[in-house]
Amino acid sequence: MMPNIVPIAISMMVSATSSFQSMASVANDEWALLRNSGTVVLMRHAIAPGTGDPEEFRIDDCSTQRNLSEEGREQAREIGRAFRRRGIRVSQVLSSQWCRCLETARLMNLGDVKPQPALNSFFRDRSTDDSQTAQTRRLIVEHRPKSGVTVMVTHQVNITSLTGIVPRSGGIVVVRADDEGEVKVLGEL
């Protein structure tokens, strides 16, 4: 009876290995998208425990905000290293004015970070959803003819409003504006 288990185990290992190789191939294909002109990365800030911000939140005082954990800081650094390992050319880095986004963008070390209010969270005040999403869409359309990648570090609520995708902390949605100015999702990392 025991000899029959060996072929089954080998078959399962081969199947698992090809599944992992297939997943790695998909991930590499998504990274390859970042070599195309006009591509934009919508990235949710790195790991910051909790949800939303405290009631006493002030944009100019990081101590009143939900901030990156040490794990989040390392995650941001690793994402930046992944860009550099793959030779992804970043033309600009835009960030929400929230401290966790600015810190994520700076720790990635992909270039000068420019605060962009359109990328600010509207989690607590949904009344700005439409206008901020329209502004973000315009930023993506403006990047279309440019070379290199624009990295936009923002919040889950912003990315979901624009793309319908709910990214994890540090998650990346790759988008590009088409010739008609519509933002198209190319993939996720």
N, C-alpha and C. Protein backbone atom coordinates (compact mmCIF):
# COMPACT_ATOMS: atom_id res chain seq x y z
N MET A 1 0.82 -1.20 0.00
CA MET A 1 0.00 0.00 0.00
C MET A 1 0.86 1.25 0.00
N MET A 2 1.95 1.27 0.72
CA MET A 2 2.82 2.43 0.83
C MET A 2 3.38 2.88 -0.52
N PRO A 3 3.82 1.98 -1.43
CA PRO A 3 4.38 2.43 -2.70
C PRO A 3 3.39 3.26 -3.53
N ASN A 4 2.10 3.07 -3.37
CA ASN A 4 1.11 3.84 -4.13
C ASN A 4 1.05 5.30 -3.68
N ILE A 5 1.46 5.58 -2.47
CA ILE A 5 1.44 6.94 -1.95
C ILE A 5 2.51 7.81 -2.61
N VAL A 6 3.65 7.23 -2.92
CA VAL A 6 4.77 7.99 -3.48
C VAL A 6 4.38 8.67 -4.80
N PRO A 7 3.80 7.96 -5.79
CA PRO A 7 3.42 8.66 -7.03
C PRO A 7 2.41 9.79 -6.79
N ILE A 8 1.50 9.56 -5.85
CA ILE A 8 0.50 10.60 -5.55
C ILE A 8 1.19 11.82 -4.94
N ALA A 9 2.11 11.59 -4.00
CA ALA A 9 2.84 12.69 -3.37
C ALA A 9 3.66 13.46 -4.39
N ILE A 10 4.33 12.74 -5.29
CA ILE A 10 5.14 13.39 -6.34
C ILE A 10 4.23 14.22 -7.24
N SER A 11 3.10 13.66 -7.61
CA SER A 11 2.15 14.38 -8.46
C SER A 11 1.66 15.66 -7.78
N MET A 12 1.38 15.59 -6.48
CA MET A 12 0.92 16.77 -5.75
C MET A 12 2.02 17.82 -5.67
N MET A 13 3.27 17.39 -5.46
CA MET A 13 4.38 18.35 -5.38
C MET A 13 4.60 19.03 -6.72
N VAL A 14 4.53 18.28 -7.82
CA VAL A 14 4.71 18.87 -9.15
C VAL A 14 3.59 19.86 -9.42
N SER A 15 2.36 19.50 -9.06
CA SER A 15 1.23 20.39 -9.27
C SER A 15 1.39 21.68 -8.47
N ALA A 16 1.80 21.56 -7.21
CA ALA A 16 2.00 22.75 -6.36
C ALA A 16 3.12 23.62 -6.91
N THR A 17 4.21 23.00 -7.37
CA THR A 17 5.33 23.76 -7.91
C THR A 17 4.91 24.54 -9.14
N SER A 18 4.15 23.90 -10.04
CA SER A 18 3.74 24.63 -11.24
C SER A 18 2.74 25.73 -10.90
N SER A 19 1.92 25.54 -9.86
CA SER A 19 1.02 26.61 -9.43
C SER A 19 1.81 27.81 -8.93
N PHE A 20 2.85 27.56 -8.10
CA PHE A 20 3.68 28.65 -7.59
C PHE A 20 4.40 29.35 -8.73
N GLN A 21 4.90 28.58 -9.70
CA GLN A 21 5.59 29.18 -10.84
C GLN A 21 4.61 30.03 -11.65
N SER A 22 3.38 29.54 -11.79
CA SER A 22 2.37 30.30 -12.51
C SER A 22 2.06 31.61 -11.80
N MET A 23 1.94 31.57 -10.45
CA MET A 23 1.68 32.79 -9.69
C MET A 23 2.84 33.76 -9.83
N ALA A 24 4.07 33.26 -9.78
CA ALA A 24 5.24 34.12 -9.93
C ALA A 24 5.27 34.75 -11.31
N SER A 25 4.87 33.98 -12.31
CA SER A 25 4.84 34.50 -13.68
C SER A 25 3.83 35.64 -13.80
N VAL A 26 2.66 35.46 -13.19
CA VAL A 26 1.65 36.52 -13.22
C VAL A 26 2.20 37.77 -12.55
N ALA A 27 2.84 37.61 -11.38
CA ALA A 27 3.40 38.76 -10.68
C ALA A 27 4.45 39.45 -11.53
N ASN A 28 5.29 38.68 -12.19
CA ASN A 28 6.31 39.29 -13.06
C ASN A 28 5.67 40.01 -14.23
N ASP A 29 4.58 39.46 -14.78
CA ASP A 29 3.87 40.13 -15.87
C ASP A 29 3.32 41.47 -15.41
N GLU A 30 2.79 41.52 -14.19
CA GLU A 30 2.26 42.77 -13.67
C GLU A 30 3.37 43.81 -13.50
N TRP A 31 4.52 43.39 -12.98
CA TRP A 31 5.65 44.31 -12.85
C TRP A 31 6.08 44.80 -14.23
N ALA A 32 6.00 43.94 -15.23
CA ALA A 32 6.39 44.33 -16.59
C ALA A 32 5.51 45.47 -17.11
N LEU A 33 4.27 45.55 -16.64
CA LEU A 33 3.38 46.64 -17.05
C LEU A 33 3.96 48.00 -16.70
N LEU A 34 4.80 48.04 -15.66
CA LEU A 34 5.35 49.31 -15.20
C LEU A 34 6.47 49.82 -16.10
N ARG A 35 6.80 49.07 -17.11
CA ARG A 35 7.81 49.53 -18.07
C ARG A 35 7.18 50.34 -19.21
N ASN A 36 5.84 50.37 -19.27
CA ASN A 36 5.13 51.10 -20.32
C ASN A 36 4.95 52.57 -19.94
N SER A 37 5.06 53.44 -20.93
CA SER A 37 4.84 54.87 -20.69
C SER A 37 3.41 55.12 -20.25
N GLY A 38 3.24 56.13 -19.42
CA GLY A 38 1.91 56.54 -19.01
C GLY A 38 1.29 55.70 -17.91
N THR A 39 2.04 54.77 -17.36
CA THR A 39 1.51 53.90 -16.32
C THR A 39 1.53 54.60 -14.96
N VAL A 40 0.48 54.38 -14.18
CA VAL A 40 0.36 54.98 -12.86
C VAL A 40 0.15 53.87 -11.83
N VAL A 41 0.86 54.00 -10.72
CA VAL A 41 0.71 53.09 -9.59
C VAL A 41 -0.16 53.78 -8.54
N LEU A 42 -1.28 53.18 -8.21
CA LEU A 42 -2.11 53.63 -7.09
C LEU A 42 -1.76 52.69 -5.95
N MET A 43 -1.12 53.21 -4.94
CA MET A 43 -0.66 52.37 -3.84
C MET A 43 -1.32 52.78 -2.53
N ARG A 44 -1.87 51.80 -1.83
CA ARG A 44 -2.36 52.06 -0.48
C ARG A 44 -1.15 52.14 0.44
N HIS A 45 -1.16 53.08 1.35
CA HIS A 45 -0.06 53.23 2.31
C HIS A 45 0.27 51.88 2.94
N ALA A 46 1.49 51.75 3.44
CA ALA A 46 1.94 50.53 4.10
C ALA A 46 1.17 50.31 5.40
N ILE A 47 1.47 49.22 6.07
CA ILE A 47 0.72 48.77 7.25
C ILE A 47 0.70 49.83 8.36
N ALA A 48 -0.52 50.23 8.71
CA ALA A 48 -0.78 51.17 9.81
C ALA A 48 -1.95 50.58 10.58
N PRO A 49 -1.69 49.95 11.71
CA PRO A 49 -2.75 49.25 12.45
C PRO A 49 -3.97 50.13 12.73
N GLY A 50 -5.13 49.51 12.65
CA GLY A 50 -6.37 50.21 12.94
C GLY A 50 -7.14 50.58 11.69
N THR A 51 -8.16 51.40 11.88
CA THR A 51 -9.02 51.85 10.78
C THR A 51 -9.31 53.33 10.97
N GLY A 52 -9.29 54.08 9.88
CA GLY A 52 -9.60 55.51 9.97
C GLY A 52 -8.59 56.25 10.83
N ASP A 53 -9.01 57.35 11.40
CA ASP A 53 -8.15 58.17 12.25
C ASP A 53 -8.91 58.54 13.52
N PRO A 54 -8.17 58.86 14.59
CA PRO A 54 -8.82 59.27 15.84
C PRO A 54 -9.65 60.55 15.65
N GLU A 55 -10.60 60.76 16.53
CA GLU A 55 -11.47 61.94 16.46
C GLU A 55 -10.68 63.25 16.49
N GLU A 56 -9.58 63.28 17.24
CA GLU A 56 -8.78 64.51 17.37
C GLU A 56 -7.79 64.69 16.22
N PHE A 57 -7.96 63.94 15.14
CA PHE A 57 -7.07 64.01 13.97
C PHE A 57 -6.83 65.44 13.48
N ARG A 58 -5.55 65.74 13.23
CA ARG A 58 -5.17 67.00 12.58
C ARG A 58 -4.13 66.66 11.53
N ILE A 59 -4.31 67.17 10.33
CA ILE A 59 -3.42 66.82 9.23
C ILE A 59 -1.99 67.30 9.46
N ASP A 60 -1.81 68.34 10.25
CA ASP A 60 -0.48 68.91 10.48
C ASP A 60 0.20 68.34 11.73
N ASP A 61 -0.39 67.30 12.34
CA ASP A 61 0.18 66.72 13.56
C ASP A 61 0.10 65.20 13.49
N CYS A 62 1.24 64.58 13.17
CA CYS A 62 1.28 63.12 13.03
C CYS A 62 0.89 62.38 14.30
N SER A 63 1.08 62.99 15.46
CA SER A 63 0.75 62.31 16.72
C SER A 63 -0.76 62.12 16.88
N THR A 64 -1.57 62.82 16.07
CA THR A 64 -3.03 62.68 16.15
C THR A 64 -3.56 61.70 15.10
N GLN A 65 -2.67 61.08 14.34
CA GLN A 65 -3.07 60.22 13.24
C GLN A 65 -2.71 58.75 13.50
N ARG A 66 -3.31 57.89 12.70
CA ARG A 66 -2.93 56.48 12.66
C ARG A 66 -1.67 56.41 11.80
N ASN A 67 -0.60 55.87 12.35
CA ASN A 67 0.70 55.89 11.67
C ASN A 67 1.20 54.49 11.36
N LEU A 68 2.25 54.42 10.55
CA LEU A 68 2.85 53.15 10.19
C LEU A 68 3.42 52.45 11.42
N SER A 69 3.29 51.15 11.43
CA SER A 69 3.96 50.33 12.44
C SER A 69 5.38 50.08 11.93
N GLU A 70 6.22 49.47 12.75
CA GLU A 70 7.57 49.13 12.28
C GLU A 70 7.47 48.16 11.11
N GLU A 71 6.51 47.26 11.16
CA GLU A 71 6.28 46.33 10.03
C GLU A 71 5.91 47.12 8.77
N GLY A 72 5.10 48.15 8.93
CA GLY A 72 4.72 49.00 7.80
C GLY A 72 5.91 49.74 7.23
N ARG A 73 6.79 50.22 8.10
CA ARG A 73 7.99 50.92 7.62
C ARG A 73 8.86 49.97 6.79
N GLU A 74 9.04 48.77 7.29
CA GLU A 74 9.85 47.80 6.54
C GLU A 74 9.15 47.42 5.24
N GLN A 75 7.84 47.30 5.26
CA GLN A 75 7.09 46.99 4.05
C GLN A 75 7.32 48.07 3.00
N ALA A 76 7.26 49.33 3.39
CA ALA A 76 7.48 50.44 2.46
C ALA A 76 8.89 50.39 1.87
N ARG A 77 9.89 50.15 2.72
CA ARG A 77 11.27 50.05 2.22
C ARG A 77 11.40 48.91 1.22
N GLU A 78 10.78 47.77 1.52
CA GLU A 78 10.87 46.60 0.64
C GLU A 78 10.18 46.87 -0.70
N ILE A 79 9.07 47.55 -0.70
CA ILE A 79 8.39 47.88 -1.96
C ILE A 79 9.30 48.76 -2.81
N GLY A 80 9.95 49.74 -2.20
CA GLY A 80 10.90 50.57 -2.93
C GLY A 80 12.04 49.75 -3.51
N ARG A 81 12.57 48.81 -2.71
CA ARG A 81 13.65 47.93 -3.21
C ARG A 81 13.16 47.10 -4.39
N ALA A 82 11.91 46.64 -4.35
CA ALA A 82 11.35 45.85 -5.45
C ALA A 82 11.32 46.67 -6.74
N PHE A 83 10.95 47.94 -6.66
CA PHE A 83 10.97 48.81 -7.84
C PHE A 83 12.39 48.91 -8.39
N ARG A 84 13.36 49.15 -7.52
CA ARG A 84 14.75 49.32 -7.96
C ARG A 84 15.33 48.03 -8.54
N ARG A 85 15.03 46.89 -7.90
CA ARG A 85 15.53 45.60 -8.42
C ARG A 85 15.05 45.35 -9.83
N ARG A 86 13.84 45.79 -10.12
CA ARG A 86 13.25 45.55 -11.44
C ARG A 86 13.55 46.68 -12.43
N GLY A 87 14.29 47.67 -11.99
CA GLY A 87 14.66 48.77 -12.88
C GLY A 87 13.48 49.62 -13.33
N ILE A 88 12.46 49.74 -12.49
CA ILE A 88 11.28 50.56 -12.84
C ILE A 88 11.65 52.03 -12.69
N ARG A 89 11.50 52.78 -13.77
CA ARG A 89 11.82 54.21 -13.76
C ARG A 89 10.60 55.00 -13.28
N VAL A 90 10.78 55.69 -12.17
CA VAL A 90 9.70 56.48 -11.58
C VAL A 90 9.92 57.94 -11.93
N SER A 91 8.92 58.56 -12.56
CA SER A 91 9.06 59.96 -12.96
C SER A 91 8.60 60.92 -11.87
N GLN A 92 7.62 60.50 -11.05
CA GLN A 92 7.19 61.35 -9.94
C GLN A 92 6.50 60.51 -8.88
N VAL A 93 6.56 61.01 -7.65
CA VAL A 93 5.90 60.36 -6.52
C VAL A 93 4.98 61.40 -5.89
N LEU A 94 3.69 61.11 -5.91
CA LEU A 94 2.68 61.96 -5.29
C LEU A 94 2.12 61.23 -4.08
N SER A 95 1.73 61.99 -3.06
CA SER A 95 1.23 61.35 -1.85
C SER A 95 0.11 62.16 -1.22
N SER A 96 -0.80 61.44 -0.59
CA SER A 96 -1.76 62.05 0.32
C SER A 96 -0.97 62.82 1.37
N GLN A 97 -1.58 63.82 1.96
CA GLN A 97 -0.92 64.61 3.00
C GLN A 97 -0.94 63.92 4.36
N TRP A 98 -1.61 62.78 4.48
CA TRP A 98 -1.64 62.03 5.72
C TRP A 98 -0.23 61.51 6.00
N CYS A 99 0.16 61.52 7.26
CA CYS A 99 1.52 61.13 7.66
C CYS A 99 1.87 59.71 7.24
N ARG A 100 0.92 58.77 7.34
CA ARG A 100 1.24 57.39 6.98
C ARG A 100 1.52 57.24 5.48
N CYS A 101 0.89 58.07 4.66
CA CYS A 101 1.16 58.03 3.22
C CYS A 101 2.49 58.70 2.90
N LEU A 102 2.72 59.88 3.48
CA LEU A 102 3.99 60.57 3.25
C LEU A 102 5.17 59.72 3.70
N GLU A 103 5.03 59.07 4.86
CA GLU A 103 6.12 58.23 5.35
C GLU A 103 6.33 57.03 4.43
N THR A 104 5.25 56.41 3.98
CA THR A 104 5.37 55.30 3.03
C THR A 104 6.13 55.75 1.79
N ALA A 105 5.72 56.87 1.22
CA ALA A 105 6.35 57.38 -0.01
C ALA A 105 7.82 57.69 0.21
N ARG A 106 8.15 58.30 1.32
CA ARG A 106 9.55 58.65 1.59
C ARG A 106 10.41 57.42 1.83
N LEU A 107 9.88 56.45 2.57
CA LEU A 107 10.64 55.24 2.86
C LEU A 107 10.86 54.38 1.61
N MET A 108 9.98 54.49 0.63
CA MET A 108 10.18 53.77 -0.63
C MET A 108 11.41 54.30 -1.36
N ASN A 109 11.74 55.56 -1.12
CA ASN A 109 12.96 56.17 -1.67
C ASN A 109 13.02 56.06 -3.20
N LEU A 110 11.93 56.48 -3.84
CA LEU A 110 11.85 56.43 -5.30
C LEU A 110 11.98 57.80 -5.95
N GLY A 111 12.16 58.83 -5.15
CA GLY A 111 12.27 60.19 -5.66
C GLY A 111 11.63 61.16 -4.70
N ASP A 112 11.71 62.45 -5.05
CA ASP A 112 11.09 63.48 -4.22
C ASP A 112 9.60 63.23 -4.12
N VAL A 113 9.07 63.44 -2.94
CA VAL A 113 7.65 63.20 -2.68
C VAL A 113 6.91 64.53 -2.68
N LYS A 114 5.87 64.61 -3.50
CA LYS A 114 5.07 65.83 -3.59
C LYS A 114 3.69 65.56 -2.97
N PRO A 115 3.34 66.26 -1.89
CA PRO A 115 2.00 66.10 -1.32
C PRO A 115 0.93 66.53 -2.33
N GLN A 116 -0.13 65.72 -2.43
CA GLN A 116 -1.20 65.98 -3.39
C GLN A 116 -2.54 65.83 -2.66
N PRO A 117 -3.23 66.95 -2.36
CA PRO A 117 -4.49 66.89 -1.62
C PRO A 117 -5.57 66.00 -2.26
N ALA A 118 -5.56 65.84 -3.57
CA ALA A 118 -6.56 64.98 -4.21
C ALA A 118 -6.46 63.54 -3.72
N LEU A 119 -5.29 63.16 -3.19
CA LEU A 119 -5.08 61.79 -2.71
C LEU A 119 -5.41 61.62 -1.23
N ASN A 120 -5.82 62.71 -0.56
CA ASN A 120 -6.17 62.63 0.86
C ASN A 120 -7.40 61.74 1.07
N SER A 121 -7.45 61.12 2.23
CA SER A 121 -8.56 60.22 2.55
C SER A 121 -9.87 61.00 2.70
N PHE A 122 -10.95 60.39 2.22
CA PHE A 122 -12.28 60.95 2.48
C PHE A 122 -13.11 59.93 3.26
N PHE A 123 -12.43 59.08 4.01
CA PHE A 123 -13.08 58.04 4.82
C PHE A 123 -14.10 58.64 5.79
N ARG A 124 -13.75 59.76 6.44
CA ARG A 124 -14.64 60.37 7.43
C ARG A 124 -15.62 61.36 6.82
N ASP A 125 -15.36 61.81 5.60
CA ASP A 125 -16.22 62.81 4.97
C ASP A 125 -16.40 62.45 3.50
N ARG A 126 -17.40 61.62 3.22
CA ARG A 126 -17.63 61.12 1.86
C ARG A 126 -18.12 62.21 0.90
N SER A 127 -18.39 63.39 1.40
CA SER A 127 -18.88 64.46 0.52
C SER A 127 -17.84 64.89 -0.51
N THR A 128 -16.57 64.60 -0.27
CA THR A 128 -15.52 64.99 -1.22
C THR A 128 -15.12 63.85 -2.16
N ASP A 129 -15.76 62.70 -2.03
CA ASP A 129 -15.44 61.53 -2.86
C ASP A 129 -15.43 61.86 -4.35
N ASP A 130 -16.53 62.39 -4.87
CA ASP A 130 -16.63 62.64 -6.31
C ASP A 130 -15.58 63.63 -6.81
N SER A 131 -15.40 64.73 -6.09
CA SER A 131 -14.45 65.75 -6.57
C SER A 131 -13.01 65.25 -6.48
N GLN A 132 -12.66 64.56 -5.39
CA GLN A 132 -11.29 64.04 -5.27
C GLN A 132 -11.02 62.94 -6.29
N THR A 133 -11.99 62.08 -6.53
CA THR A 133 -11.81 61.02 -7.51
C THR A 133 -11.65 61.62 -8.90
N ALA A 134 -12.42 62.66 -9.21
CA ALA A 134 -12.27 63.35 -10.51
C ALA A 134 -10.89 63.99 -10.64
N GLN A 135 -10.41 64.60 -9.56
CA GLN A 135 -9.07 65.21 -9.59
C GLN A 135 -7.99 64.15 -9.79
N THR A 136 -8.12 63.01 -9.12
CA THR A 136 -7.15 61.92 -9.27
C THR A 136 -7.19 61.39 -10.70
N ARG A 137 -8.38 61.24 -11.24
CA ARG A 137 -8.53 60.79 -12.63
C ARG A 137 -7.80 61.76 -13.58
N ARG A 138 -7.94 63.06 -13.34
CA ARG A 138 -7.25 64.07 -14.18
C ARG A 138 -5.74 63.92 -14.08
N LEU A 139 -5.23 63.68 -12.87
CA LEU A 139 -3.79 63.49 -12.70
C LEU A 139 -3.30 62.28 -13.51
N ILE A 140 -4.10 61.22 -13.52
CA ILE A 140 -3.73 60.02 -14.28
C ILE A 140 -3.75 60.31 -15.77
N VAL A 141 -4.76 61.02 -16.24
CA VAL A 141 -4.86 61.38 -17.66
C VAL A 141 -3.68 62.27 -18.06
N GLU A 142 -3.32 63.22 -17.21
CA GLU A 142 -2.19 64.11 -17.50
C GLU A 142 -0.88 63.35 -17.61
N HIS A 143 -0.76 62.23 -16.91
CA HIS A 143 0.48 61.45 -16.95
C HIS A 143 0.59 60.59 -18.22
N ARG A 144 -0.51 60.35 -18.90
CA ARG A 144 -0.54 59.41 -20.04
C ARG A 144 0.56 59.63 -21.06
N PRO A 145 0.84 60.84 -21.51
CA PRO A 145 1.87 61.00 -22.54
C PRO A 145 3.30 60.99 -22.01
N LYS A 146 3.46 60.90 -20.71
CA LYS A 146 4.80 61.01 -20.11
C LYS A 146 5.47 59.65 -20.00
N SER A 147 6.80 59.68 -19.97
CA SER A 147 7.53 58.43 -19.76
C SER A 147 7.75 58.22 -18.27
N GLY A 148 8.07 56.99 -17.91
CA GLY A 148 8.24 56.67 -16.50
C GLY A 148 6.90 56.44 -15.82
N VAL A 149 6.98 56.02 -14.60
CA VAL A 149 5.80 55.68 -13.81
C VAL A 149 5.53 56.79 -12.80
N THR A 150 4.28 57.14 -12.64
CA THR A 150 3.88 58.01 -11.53
C THR A 150 3.38 57.11 -10.41
N VAL A 151 3.92 57.31 -9.22
CA VAL A 151 3.48 56.56 -8.04
C VAL A 151 2.61 57.49 -7.21
N MET A 152 1.39 57.05 -6.90
CA MET A 152 0.47 57.81 -6.07
C MET A 152 0.18 57.01 -4.81
N VAL A 153 0.67 57.50 -3.67
CA VAL A 153 0.44 56.82 -2.40
C VAL A 153 -0.79 57.45 -1.76
N THR A 154 -1.79 56.62 -1.50
CA THR A 154 -3.08 57.13 -1.05
C THR A 154 -3.72 56.14 -0.08
N HIS A 155 -5.03 56.09 -0.05
CA HIS A 155 -5.79 55.32 0.93
C HIS A 155 -6.70 54.32 0.22
N GLN A 156 -7.12 53.31 0.97
CA GLN A 156 -8.01 52.28 0.41
C GLN A 156 -9.27 52.90 -0.17
N VAL A 157 -9.90 53.80 0.56
CA VAL A 157 -11.17 54.38 0.12
C VAL A 157 -11.01 55.10 -1.22
N ASN A 158 -9.89 55.77 -1.43
CA ASN A 158 -9.65 56.50 -2.67
C ASN A 158 -9.47 55.53 -3.85
N ILE A 159 -8.67 54.50 -3.63
CA ILE A 159 -8.41 53.52 -4.69
C ILE A 159 -9.69 52.78 -5.04
N THR A 160 -10.46 52.40 -4.03
CA THR A 160 -11.71 51.68 -4.26
C THR A 160 -12.70 52.55 -5.03
N SER A 161 -12.80 53.81 -4.69
CA SER A 161 -13.72 54.71 -5.39
C SER A 161 -13.38 54.82 -6.88
N LEU A 162 -12.10 54.86 -7.18
CA LEU A 162 -11.65 55.02 -8.57
C LEU A 162 -11.70 53.72 -9.36
N THR A 163 -11.35 52.59 -8.71
CA THR A 163 -11.16 51.34 -9.46
C THR A 163 -12.13 50.21 -9.09
N GLY A 164 -12.79 50.32 -7.93
CA GLY A 164 -13.62 49.23 -7.45
C GLY A 164 -12.83 48.14 -6.74
N ILE A 165 -11.52 48.30 -6.65
CA ILE A 165 -10.64 47.31 -6.01
C ILE A 165 -10.37 47.74 -4.57
N VAL A 166 -10.39 46.78 -3.65
CA VAL A 166 -10.08 47.04 -2.25
C VAL A 166 -8.67 46.50 -1.99
N PRO A 167 -7.65 47.37 -2.02
CA PRO A 167 -6.28 46.89 -1.85
C PRO A 167 -5.92 46.67 -0.38
N ARG A 168 -5.03 45.74 -0.15
CA ARG A 168 -4.49 45.52 1.20
C ARG A 168 -3.50 46.65 1.48
N SER A 169 -3.04 46.75 2.71
CA SER A 169 -2.00 47.74 3.04
C SER A 169 -0.76 47.45 2.20
N GLY A 170 -0.23 48.46 1.55
CA GLY A 170 0.92 48.29 0.67
C GLY A 170 0.56 47.73 -0.69
N GLY A 171 -0.73 47.49 -0.93
CA GLY A 171 -1.18 46.94 -2.21
C GLY A 171 -1.09 47.97 -3.31
N ILE A 172 -0.84 47.48 -4.52
CA ILE A 172 -0.67 48.35 -5.69
C ILE A 172 -1.67 47.97 -6.76
N VAL A 173 -2.35 48.97 -7.31
CA VAL A 173 -3.21 48.80 -8.47
C VAL A 173 -2.55 49.59 -9.60
N VAL A 174 -2.26 48.90 -10.70
CA VAL A 174 -1.61 49.53 -11.85
C VAL A 174 -2.70 49.99 -12.82
N VAL A 175 -2.68 51.29 -13.16
CA VAL A 175 -3.69 51.86 -14.05
C VAL A 175 -3.03 52.68 -15.16
N ARG A 176 -3.85 52.99 -16.14
CA ARG A 176 -3.42 53.86 -17.22
C ARG A 176 -4.67 54.47 -17.85
N ALA A 177 -4.56 55.70 -18.31
CA ALA A 177 -5.68 56.34 -19.01
C ALA A 177 -5.61 55.93 -20.48
N ASP A 178 -6.77 55.58 -21.05
CA ASP A 178 -6.79 55.25 -22.48
C ASP A 178 -6.92 56.54 -23.30
N ASP A 179 -7.03 56.40 -24.61
CA ASP A 179 -7.08 57.56 -25.51
C ASP A 179 -8.29 58.46 -25.25
N GLU A 180 -9.36 57.89 -24.69
CA GLU A 180 -10.56 58.67 -24.39
C GLU A 180 -10.51 59.28 -22.99
N GLY A 181 -9.44 59.02 -22.26
CA GLY A 181 -9.31 59.57 -20.91
C GLY A 181 -9.93 58.72 -19.83
N GLU A 182 -10.35 57.51 -20.17
CA GLU A 182 -10.89 56.59 -19.17
C GLU A 182 -9.75 55.89 -18.46
N VAL A 183 -9.85 55.77 -17.15
CA VAL A 183 -8.82 55.08 -16.38
C VAL A 183 -9.11 53.58 -16.41
N LYS A 184 -8.14 52.82 -16.87
CA LYS A 184 -8.27 51.36 -17.00
C LYS A 184 -7.32 50.68 -16.02
N VAL A 185 -7.81 49.68 -15.33
CA VAL A 185 -6.98 48.87 -14.44
C VAL A 185 -6.23 47.86 -15.29
N LEU A 186 -4.89 47.86 -15.16
CA LEU A 186 -4.05 46.92 -15.90
C LEU A 186 -3.71 45.69 -15.07
N GLY A 187 -3.68 45.84 -13.76
CA GLY A 187 -3.35 44.71 -12.90
C GLY A 187 -3.11 45.15 -11.47
N GLU A 188 -2.79 44.17 -10.63
CA GLU A 188 -2.52 44.42 -9.21
C GLU A 188 -1.22 43.76 -8.81
N LEU A 189 -0.53 44.38 -7.87
CA LEU A 189 0.70 43.81 -7.29
C LEU A 189 0.51 43.68 -5.80
